Amino acid sequence: MPKVTTSDGTRIFYKDWGPRDADPIVFHHGWPLSADDWDNQMLFFLAKGYRVIAHDRRGHGRSSQSATGHEMDTYAADVAALTDALDLKGAVHIGHSTGGGEVTRYVARAKAGRVSKAVLVAAIPPVMVRKPSNPDGTPIEVFDGLREALAANRAQFYIDLPTGPFYGFNRPGAQVSQGLIDNWWRQGMMGAANAHYECIKAFSETDFTEDLKAIDVPVLVAHGTDDQIVPYPDSAPLSSALLRQGTLQTYDGLPHGMLSTHPDILNADLLAFICGEPLTGGAELRPAMPMTA
């Protein structure tokens, strides 16, 4: 299995499909999943002629189960190690949920020429947890509850989340996919409990405000209004307003895991954004207000 070794000796697994001279797209998965969560999108863009790359975050999937480094600065450094090793130039970075935070931190610090565009899908920025500077955020007790459930019975917890709020399968009339639930569980249980436990702090408490302000490439912010994991009002509109070249795409009624439940809609808009064409899948499309400072 292809892996790149980071400065602290952690081995990061990655997939790298397609022509090496094709335009690269790098996918960043959510918590507590793996590169496998992007299979649909990787196959879609591979068929369009792109080079598609996805890695397992440290402590997730097939990467090393490291004792340390389960925070955003190290996650971004691991991505830099991967993009340096593959010498990627002009790449589009697409991140879902926690992966959207990883993309934000990486792109804000990336070497010149490494990144052409970025996409944040149902992503955690600007910051999730409620605090004085973020009074409408999610109470810390919610994240404490996630940690408690993980420590008590991770295997059951990783059934309950995809069966319920992650894909919106707890909504009346939802078309439940047992395959998606089973695959979510499979990916989650491949990773390390310590990494997943510590990552809850990383995705809930990291503040990406300054990262968003620093990004100088076009960014698509895509989010569903029925996201029960990362509430829409506390994320997408706020992130897009902080970006210099942000576009907000809102999907009415779609859940957190909309990349898997509605891939045809999302894939079409991802392709359109990458190609500089109009987006059509969302209920709302508007450019974010440009930064003035």
C-alpha atoms as a PDB file:
ATOM      1  CA  MET A   1       0.000   0.000   0.000  1.00  0.00           C
ATOM      2  CA  PRO A   2       1.416   3.443  -0.889  1.00  0.00           C
ATOM      3  CA  LYS A   3       2.330   5.532   2.134  1.00  0.00           C
ATOM      4  CA  VAL A   4       4.294   8.683   2.855  1.00  0.00           C
ATOM      5  CA  THR A   5       6.293   9.084   6.065  1.00  0.00           C
ATOM      6  CA  THR A   6       5.896  12.332   8.006  1.00  0.00           C
ATOM      7  CA  SER A   7       8.546  14.118  10.081  1.00  0.00           C
ATOM      8  CA  ASP A   8       7.513  12.264  13.252  1.00  0.00           C
ATOM      9  CA  GLY A   9       7.584   8.863  11.564  1.00  0.00           C
ATOM     10  CA  THR A  10       3.839   8.495  11.024  1.00  0.00           C
ATOM     11  CA  ARG A  11       2.938   6.576   7.883  1.00  0.00           C
ATOM     12  CA  ILE A  12       0.080   8.156   5.926  1.00  0.00           C
ATOM     13  CA  PHE A  13      -1.768   5.847   3.525  1.00  0.00           C
ATOM     14  CA  TYR A  14      -3.022   7.349   0.272  1.00  0.00           C
ATOM     15  CA  LYS A  15      -4.713   6.424  -2.998  1.00  0.00           C
ATOM     16  CA  ASP A  16      -3.443   7.975  -6.219  1.00  0.00           C
ATOM     17  CA  TRP A  17      -5.426   7.136  -9.346  1.00  0.00           C
ATOM     18  CA  GLY A  18      -5.277   8.510 -12.869  1.00  0.00           C
ATOM     19  CA  PRO A  19      -2.679  10.006 -15.202  1.00  0.00           C
ATOM     20  CA  ARG A  20       0.212  11.632 -13.358  1.00  0.00           C
ATOM     21  CA  ASP A  21       0.118  14.624 -15.700  1.00  0.00           C
ATOM     22  CA  ALA A  22      -3.617  15.220 -15.243  1.00  0.00           C
ATOM     23  CA  ASP A  23      -5.064  17.992 -13.071  1.00  0.00           C
ATOM     24  CA  PRO A  24      -5.006  16.725  -9.461  1.00  0.00           C
ATOM     25  CA  ILE A  25      -7.914  16.666  -7.016  1.00  0.00           C
ATOM     26  CA  VAL A  26      -7.186  15.824  -3.374  1.00  0.00           C
ATOM     27  CA  PHE A  27     -10.010  14.568  -1.143  1.00  0.00           C
ATOM     28  CA  HIS A  28     -10.037  14.933   2.667  1.00  0.00           C
ATOM     29  CA  HIS A  29     -12.392  12.677   4.626  1.00  0.00           C
ATOM     30  CA  GLY A  30     -14.486  13.374   7.707  1.00  0.00           C
ATOM     31  CA  TRP A  31     -14.362  11.933  11.204  1.00  0.00           C
ATOM     32  CA  PRO A  32     -13.931   8.994  11.903  1.00  0.00           C
ATOM     33  CA  LEU A  33     -13.793   7.695   8.355  1.00  0.00           C
ATOM     34  CA  SER A  34     -11.121   7.092   5.708  1.00  0.00           C
ATOM     35  CA  ALA A  35     -10.238   7.732   2.077  1.00  0.00           C
ATOM     36  CA  ASP A  36     -12.825   5.069   1.183  1.00  0.00           C
ATOM     37  CA  ASP A  37     -15.589   7.562   1.927  1.00  0.00           C
ATOM     38  CA  TRP A  38     -14.668   9.295  -1.347  1.00  0.00           C
ATOM     39  CA  ASP A  39     -14.992   6.240  -3.624  1.00  0.00           C
ATOM     40  CA  ASN A  40     -17.971   7.676  -5.517  1.00  0.00           C
ATOM     41  CA  GLN A  41     -16.329  11.040  -6.165  1.00  0.00           C
ATOM     42  CA  MET A  42     -12.951   9.517  -7.020  1.00  0.00           C
ATOM     43  CA  LEU A  43     -14.478   7.238  -9.624  1.00  0.00           C
ATOM     44  CA  PHE A  44     -16.546  10.110 -11.027  1.00  0.00           C
ATOM     45  CA  PHE A  45     -13.579  12.445 -11.462  1.00  0.00           C
ATOM     46  CA  LEU A  46     -11.283   9.656 -12.620  1.00  0.00           C
ATOM     47  CA  ALA A  47     -13.726   9.054 -15.486  1.00  0.00           C
ATOM     48  CA  LYS A  48     -13.531  12.780 -16.304  1.00  0.00           C
ATOM     49  CA  GLY A  49      -9.765  12.529 -16.786  1.00  0.00           C
ATOM     50  CA  TYR A  50      -8.531  13.890 -13.466  1.00  0.00           C
ATOM     51  CA  ARG A  51      -5.819  12.545 -11.190  1.00  0.00           C
ATOM     52  CA  VAL A  52      -7.583  11.761  -7.897  1.00  0.00           C
ATOM     53  CA  ILE A  53      -5.855  11.404  -4.533  1.00  0.00           C
ATOM     54  CA  ALA A  54      -7.213  10.662  -1.074  1.00  0.00           C
ATOM     55  CA  HIS A  55      -5.422   9.841   2.156  1.00  0.00           C
ATOM     56  CA  ASP A  56      -6.316   8.330   5.503  1.00  0.00           C
ATOM     57  CA  ARG A  57      -5.748  10.878   8.276  1.00  0.00           C
ATOM     58  CA  ARG A  58      -3.290   9.727  10.952  1.00  0.00           C
ATOM     59  CA  GLY A  59      -5.044   7.350  13.328  1.00  0.00           C
ATOM     60  CA  HIS A  60      -7.724   6.659  10.711  1.00  0.00           C
ATOM     61  CA  GLY A  61      -8.078   3.848   8.180  1.00  0.00           C
ATOM     62  CA  ARG A  62      -4.778   2.346   7.087  1.00  0.00           C
ATOM     63  CA  SER A  63      -2.490   5.116   8.363  1.00  0.00           C
ATOM     64  CA  SER A  64      -0.355   4.733  11.475  1.00  0.00           C
ATOM     65  CA  GLN A  65      -2.156   4.698  14.806  1.00  0.00           C
ATOM     66  CA  SER A  66       0.073   7.365  16.274  1.00  0.00           C
ATOM     67  CA  ALA A  67       0.112   8.366  19.930  1.00  0.00           C
ATOM     68  CA  THR A  68       0.218  12.086  19.172  1.00  0.00           C
ATOM     69  CA  GLY A  69      -0.606  14.667  16.515  1.00  0.00           C
ATOM     70  CA  HIS A  70      -4.379  14.452  16.573  1.00  0.00           C
ATOM     71  CA  GLU A  71      -4.971  18.171  16.044  1.00  0.00           C
ATOM     72  CA  MET A  72      -5.348  20.461  13.062  1.00  0.00           C
ATOM     73  CA  ASP A  73      -1.810  21.786  12.801  1.00  0.00           C
ATOM     74  CA  THR A  74      -0.433  18.267  12.504  1.00  0.00           C
ATOM     75  CA  TYR A  75      -3.213  17.149  10.169  1.00  0.00           C
ATOM     76  CA  ALA A  76      -2.322  20.036   7.847  1.00  0.00           C
ATOM     77  CA  ALA A  77       1.389  19.251   8.119  1.00  0.00           C
ATOM     78  CA  ASP A  78       0.657  15.651   7.136  1.00  0.00           C
ATOM     79  CA  VAL A  79      -1.173  16.901   4.036  1.00  0.00           C
ATOM     80  CA  ALA A  80       1.808  19.113   3.199  1.00  0.00           C
ATOM     81  CA  ALA A  81       4.083  16.093   3.485  1.00  0.00           C
ATOM     82  CA  LEU A  82       1.837  14.189   1.076  1.00  0.00           C
ATOM     83  CA  THR A  83       1.563  16.994  -1.480  1.00  0.00           C
ATOM     84  CA  ASP A  84       5.320  17.566  -1.308  1.00  0.00           C
ATOM     85  CA  ALA A  85       6.035  13.860  -1.811  1.00  0.00           C
ATOM     86  CA  LEU A  86       3.721  13.753  -4.843  1.00  0.00           C
ATOM     87  CA  ASP A  87       4.854  17.222  -5.980  1.00  0.00           C
ATOM     88  CA  LEU A  88       1.281  18.300  -6.623  1.00  0.00           C
ATOM     89  CA  LYS A  89       0.828  21.662  -8.315  1.00  0.00           C
ATOM     90  CA  GLY A  90      -2.402  23.547  -8.890  1.00  0.00           C
ATOM     91  CA  ALA A  91      -4.432  20.961  -7.008  1.00  0.00           C
ATOM     92  CA  VAL A  92      -8.065  21.305  -6.014  1.00  0.00           C
ATOM     93  CA  HIS A  93      -8.575  20.277  -2.367  1.00  0.00           C
ATOM     94  CA  ILE A  94     -12.035  19.042  -1.368  1.00  0.00           C
ATOM     95  CA  GLY A  95     -12.842  18.373   2.285  1.00  0.00           C
ATOM     96  CA  HIS A  96     -15.936  17.026   4.008  1.00  0.00           C
ATOM     97  CA  SER A  97     -16.773  17.849   7.635  1.00  0.00           C
ATOM     98  CA  THR A  98     -13.541  17.508   9.649  1.00  0.00           C
ATOM     99  CA  GLY A  99     -11.773  17.195   6.313  1.00  0.00           C
ATOM    100  CA  GLY A 100     -13.068  20.659   5.487  1.00  0.00           C
ATOM    101  CA  GLY A 101     -11.266  21.986   8.525  1.00  0.00           C
ATOM    102  CA  GLU A 102      -8.120  20.173   7.436  1.00  0.00           C
ATOM    103  CA  VAL A 103      -8.420  21.728   3.969  1.00  0.00           C
ATOM    104  CA  THR A 104      -8.901  25.186   5.455  1.00  0.00           C
ATOM    105  CA  ARG A 105      -5.830  24.955   7.679  1.00  0.00           C
ATOM    106  CA  TYR A 106      -3.688  23.411   4.904  1.00  0.00           C
ATOM    107  CA  VAL A 107      -4.723  25.783   2.106  1.00  0.00           C
ATOM    108  CA  ALA A 108      -4.178  28.831   4.308  1.00  0.00           C
ATOM    109  CA  ARG A 109      -0.554  27.726   4.794  1.00  0.00           C
ATOM    110  CA  ALA A 110       0.187  25.967   1.501  1.00  0.00           C
ATOM    111  CA  LYS A 111       3.260  26.723  -0.571  1.00  0.00           C
ATOM    112  CA  ALA A 112       2.702  29.000  -3.545  1.00  0.00           C
ATOM    113  CA  GLY A 113       1.420  27.112  -6.568  1.00  0.00           C
ATOM    114  CA  ARG A 114       0.284  24.020  -4.701  1.00  0.00           C
ATOM    115  CA  VAL A 115      -3.448  24.890  -4.629  1.00  0.00           C
ATOM    116  CA  SER A 116      -5.734  26.296  -7.333  1.00  0.00           C
ATOM    117  CA  LYS A 117      -9.142  25.960  -5.651  1.00  0.00           C
ATOM    118  CA  ALA A 118     -10.758  24.456  -2.555  1.00  0.00           C
ATOM    119  CA  VAL A 119     -14.158  23.070  -1.603  1.00  0.00           C
ATOM    120  CA  LEU A 120     -15.633  22.820   1.892  1.00  0.00           C
ATOM    121  CA  VAL A 121     -18.568  20.392   2.072  1.00  0.00           C
ATOM    122  CA  ALA A 122     -20.669  20.295   5.267  1.00  0.00           C
ATOM    123  CA  ALA A 123     -17.491  21.527   6.898  1.00  0.00           C
ATOM    124  CA  ILE A 124     -16.699  22.475  10.483  1.00  0.00           C
ATOM    125  CA  PRO A 125     -15.272  26.022  10.012  1.00  0.00           C
ATOM    126  CA  PRO A 126     -15.323  28.692  11.258  1.00  0.00           C
ATOM    127  CA  VAL A 127     -15.684  27.042  14.720  1.00  0.00           C
ATOM    128  CA  MET A 128     -18.249  24.642  16.132  1.00  0.00           C
ATOM    129  CA  VAL A 129     -18.186  24.969  19.923  1.00  0.00           C
ATOM    130  CA  ARG A 130     -20.143  27.627  21.781  1.00  0.00           C
ATOM    131  CA  LYS A 131     -17.937  30.214  23.475  1.00  0.00           C
ATOM    132  CA  PRO A 132     -18.083  33.962  24.170  1.00  0.00           C
ATOM    133  CA  SER A 133     -16.889  34.797  20.652  1.00  0.00           C
ATOM    134  CA  ASN A 134     -19.262  32.190  19.150  1.00  0.00           C
ATOM    135  CA  PRO A 135     -22.467  32.408  21.230  1.00  0.00           C
ATOM    136  CA  ASP A 136     -24.588  30.507  18.698  1.00  0.00           C
ATOM    137  CA  GLY A 137     -22.249  27.507  18.574  1.00  0.00           C
ATOM    138  CA  THR A 138     -22.877  23.971  19.781  1.00  0.00           C
ATOM    139  CA  PRO A 139     -22.580  23.514  23.578  1.00  0.00           C
ATOM    140  CA  ILE A 140     -19.446  21.713  24.764  1.00  0.00           C
ATOM    141  CA  GLU A 141     -21.694  19.181  26.487  1.00  0.00           C
ATOM    142  CA  VAL A 142     -22.665  17.794  23.072  1.00  0.00           C
ATOM    143  CA  PHE A 143     -19.026  16.993  22.280  1.00  0.00           C
ATOM    144  CA  ASP A 144     -18.486  15.616  25.781  1.00  0.00           C
ATOM    145  CA  GLY A 145     -21.366  13.268  25.016  1.00  0.00           C
ATOM    146  CA  LEU A 146     -19.672  12.104  21.814  1.00  0.00           C
ATOM    147  CA  ARG A 147     -16.512  11.327  23.773  1.00  0.00           C
ATOM    148  CA  GLU A 148     -18.473   9.439  26.416  1.00  0.00           C
ATOM    149  CA  ALA A 149     -20.320   7.353  23.821  1.00  0.00           C
ATOM    150  CA  LEU A 150     -17.093   6.546  21.974  1.00  0.00           C
ATOM    151  CA  ALA A 151     -15.291   5.466  25.143  1.00  0.00           C
ATOM    152  CA  ALA A 152     -18.218   3.419  26.428  1.00  0.00           C
ATOM    153  CA  ASN A 153     -19.020   1.398  23.297  1.00  0.00           C
ATOM    154  CA  ARG A 154     -17.399   2.627  20.115  1.00  0.00           C
ATOM    155  CA  ALA A 155     -18.797  -0.230  18.012  1.00  0.00           C
ATOM    156  CA  GLN A 156     -22.400   0.611  18.910  1.00  0.00           C
ATOM    157  CA  PHE A 157     -21.799   4.351  18.651  1.00  0.00           C
ATOM    158  CA  TYR A 158     -20.531   3.830  15.102  1.00  0.00           C
ATOM    159  CA  ILE A 159     -23.820   2.142  14.230  1.00  0.00           C
ATOM    160  CA  ASP A 160     -26.012   4.758  15.865  1.00  0.00           C
ATOM    161  CA  LEU A 161     -24.508   7.807  14.126  1.00  0.00           C
ATOM    162  CA  PRO A 162     -24.899   6.694  10.492  1.00  0.00           C
ATOM    163  CA  THR A 163     -28.240   5.057  11.226  1.00  0.00           C
ATOM    164  CA  GLY A 164     -29.492   8.366  12.584  1.00  0.00           C
ATOM    165  CA  PRO A 165     -28.323  11.952  12.071  1.00  0.00           C
ATOM    166  CA  PHE A 166     -25.245  11.600   9.840  1.00  0.00           C
ATOM    167  CA  TYR A 167     -27.180  10.653   6.700  1.00  0.00           C
ATOM    168  CA  GLY A 168     -30.537  11.965   7.887  1.00  0.00           C
ATOM    169  CA  PHE A 169     -31.909   8.440   8.048  1.00  0.00           C
ATOM    170  CA  ASN A 170     -33.797   9.445  11.211  1.00  0.00           C
ATOM    171  CA  ARG A 171     -36.036  11.777   9.186  1.00  0.00           C
ATOM    172  CA  PRO A 172     -39.558  10.688   8.162  1.00  0.00           C
ATOM    173  CA  GLY A 173     -39.595   9.248   4.663  1.00  0.00           C
ATOM    174  CA  ALA A 174     -35.802   8.920   4.409  1.00  0.00           C
ATOM    175  CA  GLN A 175     -34.558   6.256   2.001  1.00  0.00           C
ATOM    176  CA  VAL A 176     -32.277   4.287   4.300  1.00  0.00           C
ATOM    177  CA  SER A 177     -29.221   2.586   2.804  1.00  0.00           C
ATOM    178  CA  GLN A 178     -27.925  -0.262   4.939  1.00  0.00           C
ATOM    179  CA  GLY A 179     -24.845  -0.340   2.754  1.00  0.00           C
ATOM    180  CA  LEU A 180     -23.926   3.221   3.694  1.00  0.00           C
ATOM    181  CA  ILE A 181     -24.457   2.446   7.376  1.00  0.00           C
ATOM    182  CA  ASP A 182     -22.323  -0.697   7.218  1.00  0.00           C
ATOM    183  CA  ASN A 183     -19.576   1.051   5.264  1.00  0.00           C
ATOM    184  CA  TRP A 184     -19.507   3.935   7.757  1.00  0.00           C
ATOM    185  CA  TRP A 185     -19.095   1.409  10.596  1.00  0.00           C
ATOM    186  CA  ARG A 186     -16.404  -0.483   8.694  1.00  0.00           C
ATOM    187  CA  GLN A 187     -14.353   2.629   8.060  1.00  0.00           C
ATOM    188  CA  GLY A 188     -14.733   3.891  11.609  1.00  0.00           C
ATOM    189  CA  MET A 189     -13.675   0.642  13.229  1.00  0.00           C
ATOM    190  CA  MET A 190     -10.525   0.496  11.074  1.00  0.00           C
ATOM    191  CA  GLY A 191      -9.132   3.503  12.919  1.00  0.00           C
ATOM    192  CA  ALA A 192      -7.732   4.022  16.400  1.00  0.00           C
ATOM    193  CA  ALA A 193      -9.988   4.834  19.340  1.00  0.00           C
ATOM    194  CA  ASN A 194      -7.470   7.287  20.802  1.00  0.00           C
ATOM    195  CA  ALA A 195      -7.197   9.208  17.519  1.00  0.00           C
ATOM    196  CA  HIS A 196     -10.959   9.392  17.119  1.00  0.00           C
ATOM    197  CA  TYR A 197     -11.422  10.482  20.730  1.00  0.00           C
ATOM    198  CA  GLU A 198      -8.874  13.284  20.459  1.00  0.00           C
ATOM    199  CA  CYS A 199     -10.135  14.339  17.031  1.00  0.00           C
ATOM    200  CA  ILE A 200     -13.455  15.334  18.617  1.00  0.00           C
ATOM    201  CA  LYS A 201     -11.629  18.197  20.322  1.00  0.00           C
ATOM    202  CA  ALA A 202      -9.878  19.062  17.064  1.00  0.00           C
ATOM    203  CA  PHE A 203     -13.057  19.320  15.014  1.00  0.00           C
ATOM    204  CA  SER A 204     -15.179  20.991  17.683  1.00  0.00           C
ATOM    205  CA  GLU A 205     -12.829  23.539  19.255  1.00  0.00           C
ATOM    206  CA  THR A 206     -10.432  24.622  16.487  1.00  0.00           C
ATOM    207  CA  ASP A 207     -11.137  28.176  15.312  1.00  0.00           C
ATOM    208  CA  PHE A 208     -10.500  28.623  11.565  1.00  0.00           C
ATOM    209  CA  THR A 209     -11.468  32.290  11.326  1.00  0.00           C
ATOM    210  CA  GLU A 210      -7.987  33.556  10.526  1.00  0.00           C
ATOM    211  CA  ASP A 211      -7.342  30.653   8.130  1.00  0.00           C
ATOM    212  CA  LEU A 212     -10.453  31.516   6.131  1.00  0.00           C
ATOM    213  CA  LYS A 213      -9.395  35.152   5.916  1.00  0.00           C
ATOM    214  CA  ALA A 214      -5.923  34.152   4.707  1.00  0.00           C
ATOM    215  CA  ILE A 215      -7.014  31.911   1.820  1.00  0.00           C
ATOM    216  CA  ASP A 216      -6.530  33.654  -1.529  1.00  0.00           C
ATOM    217  CA  VAL A 217      -7.879  31.042  -3.972  1.00  0.00           C
ATOM    218  CA  PRO A 218     -11.533  30.481  -4.975  1.00  0.00           C
ATOM    219  CA  VAL A 219     -13.444  28.378  -2.452  1.00  0.00           C
ATOM    220  CA  LEU A 220     -16.835  26.696  -2.791  1.00  0.00           C
ATOM    221  CA  VAL A 221     -18.717  26.321   0.498  1.00  0.00           C
ATOM    222  CA  ALA A 222     -21.432  23.665   0.090  1.00  0.00           C
ATOM    223  CA  HIS A 223     -23.835  22.779   2.891  1.00  0.00           C
ATOM    224  CA  GLY A 224     -27.250  21.184   3.413  1.00  0.00           C
ATOM    225  CA  THR A 225     -29.884  22.940   5.480  1.00  0.00           C
ATOM    226  CA  ASP A 226     -30.818  19.713   7.314  1.00  0.00           C
ATOM    227  CA  ASP A 227     -27.280  19.026   8.529  1.00  0.00           C
ATOM    228  CA  GLN A 228     -27.732  17.612  12.037  1.00  0.00           C
ATOM    229  CA  ILE A 229     -23.990  17.272  12.681  1.00  0.00           C
ATOM    230  CA  VAL A 230     -22.642  20.687  11.613  1.00  0.00           C
ATOM    231  CA  PRO A 231     -25.645  23.051  11.740  1.00  0.00           C
ATOM    232  CA  TYR A 232     -25.917  25.149   8.588  1.00  0.00           C
ATOM    233  CA  PRO A 233     -26.448  28.587  10.197  1.00  0.00           C
ATOM    234  CA  ASP A 234     -23.335  28.199  12.359  1.00  0.00           C
ATOM    235  CA  SER A 235     -21.035  27.169   9.522  1.00  0.00           C
ATOM    236  CA  ALA A 236     -21.456  27.755   5.797  1.00  0.00           C
ATOM    237  CA  PRO A 237     -22.778  31.341   5.690  1.00  0.00           C
ATOM    238  CA  LEU A 238     -20.192  32.446   8.244  1.00  0.00           C
ATOM    239  CA  SER A 239     -17.319  30.743   6.425  1.00  0.00           C
ATOM    240  CA  SER A 240     -18.250  32.096   3.017  1.00  0.00           C
ATOM    241  CA  ALA A 241     -18.426  35.631   4.401  1.00  0.00           C
ATOM    242  CA  LEU A 242     -14.855  35.358   5.703  1.00  0.00           C
ATOM    243  CA  LEU A 243     -13.373  34.150   2.416  1.00  0.00           C
ATOM    244  CA  ARG A 244     -11.846  36.510  -0.144  1.00  0.00           C
ATOM    245  CA  GLN A 245     -13.210  34.471  -3.077  1.00  0.00           C
ATOM    246  CA  GLY A 246     -16.001  32.422  -1.555  1.00  0.00           C
ATOM    247  CA  THR A 247     -19.128  30.970  -3.169  1.00  0.00           C
ATOM    248  CA  LEU A 248     -21.918  29.659  -0.964  1.00  0.00           C
ATOM    249  CA  GLN A 249     -24.008  26.796  -2.333  1.00  0.00           C
ATOM    250  CA  THR A 250     -26.969  25.812  -0.163  1.00  0.00           C
ATOM    251  CA  TYR A 251     -28.842  22.509  -0.550  1.00  0.00           C
ATOM    252  CA  ASP A 252     -32.339  22.648   0.864  1.00  0.00           C
ATOM    253  CA  GLY A 253     -33.126  19.685   3.119  1.00  0.00           C
ATOM    254  CA  LEU A 254     -29.934  17.717   2.489  1.00  0.00           C
ATOM    255  CA  PRO A 255     -28.075  16.022   5.374  1.00  0.00           C
ATOM    256  CA  HIS A 256     -24.505  16.059   6.612  1.00  0.00           C
ATOM    257  CA  GLY A 257     -23.603  12.999   4.545  1.00  0.00           C
ATOM    258  CA  MET A 258     -25.077  14.420   1.329  1.00  0.00           C
ATOM    259  CA  LEU A 259     -22.002  13.456  -0.720  1.00  0.00           C
ATOM    260  CA  SER A 260     -23.114   9.853  -0.232  1.00  0.00           C
ATOM    261  CA  THR A 261     -26.891  10.246  -0.206  1.00  0.00           C
ATOM    262  CA  HIS A 262     -27.022  12.647  -3.191  1.00  0.00           C
ATOM    263  CA  PRO A 263     -23.756  12.163  -5.118  1.00  0.00           C
ATOM    264  CA  ASP A 264     -25.229  13.051  -8.513  1.00  0.00           C
ATOM    265  CA  ILE A 265     -26.196  16.530  -7.301  1.00  0.00           C
ATOM    266  CA  LEU A 266     -22.925  17.174  -5.473  1.00  0.00           C
ATOM    267  CA  ASN A 267     -20.635  15.703  -8.131  1.00  0.00           C
ATOM    268  CA  ALA A 268     -22.176  17.876 -10.835  1.00  0.00           C
ATOM    269  CA  ASP A 269     -21.617  21.017  -8.777  1.00  0.00           C
ATOM    270  CA  LEU A 270     -18.080  20.035  -7.800  1.00  0.00           C
ATOM    271  CA  LEU A 271     -17.222  19.533 -11.467  1.00  0.00           C
ATOM    272  CA  ALA A 272     -18.863  22.808 -12.464  1.00  0.00           C
ATOM    273  CA  PHE A 273     -16.933  24.728  -9.803  1.00  0.00           C
ATOM    274  CA  ILE A 274     -13.626  23.162 -10.798  1.00  0.00           C
ATOM    275  CA  CYS A 275     -14.295  23.989 -14.465  1.00  0.00           C
ATOM    276  CA  GLY A 276     -15.469  27.524 -13.720  1.00  0.00           C
ATOM    277  CA  GLU A 277     -19.023  26.869 -14.886  1.00  0.00           C
ATOM    278  CA  PRO A 278     -22.369  27.812 -13.238  1.00  0.00           C
ATOM    279  CA  LEU A 279     -23.537  25.615 -10.376  1.00  0.00           C
ATOM    280  CA  THR A 280     -27.044  24.230 -10.617  1.00  0.00           C
ATOM    281  CA  GLY A 281     -27.663  21.711  -7.834  1.00  0.00           C
ATOM    282  CA  GLY A 282     -28.257  23.979  -4.861  1.00  0.00           C
ATOM    283  CA  ALA A 283     -31.258  25.952  -3.775  1.00  0.00           C
ATOM    284  CA  GLU A 284     -29.163  29.075  -3.303  1.00  0.00           C
ATOM    285  CA  LEU A 285     -26.079  30.322  -5.098  1.00  0.00           C
ATOM    286  CA  ARG A 286     -24.394  33.591  -4.287  1.00  0.00           C
ATOM    287  CA  PRO A 287     -20.818  34.855  -4.152  1.00  0.00           C
ATOM    288  CA  ALA A 288     -19.621  35.776  -0.691  1.00  0.00           C
ATOM    289  CA  MET A 289     -18.923  39.434  -0.025  1.00  0.00           C
ATOM    290  CA  PRO A 290     -15.299  40.261  -0.858  1.00  0.00           C
ATOM    291  CA  MET A 291     -12.882  40.906   1.969  1.00  0.00           C
ATOM    292  CA  THR A 292     -11.989  44.554   2.463  1.00  0.00           C
ATOM    293  CA  ALA A 293      -9.028  44.018   4.780  1.00  0.00           C
END
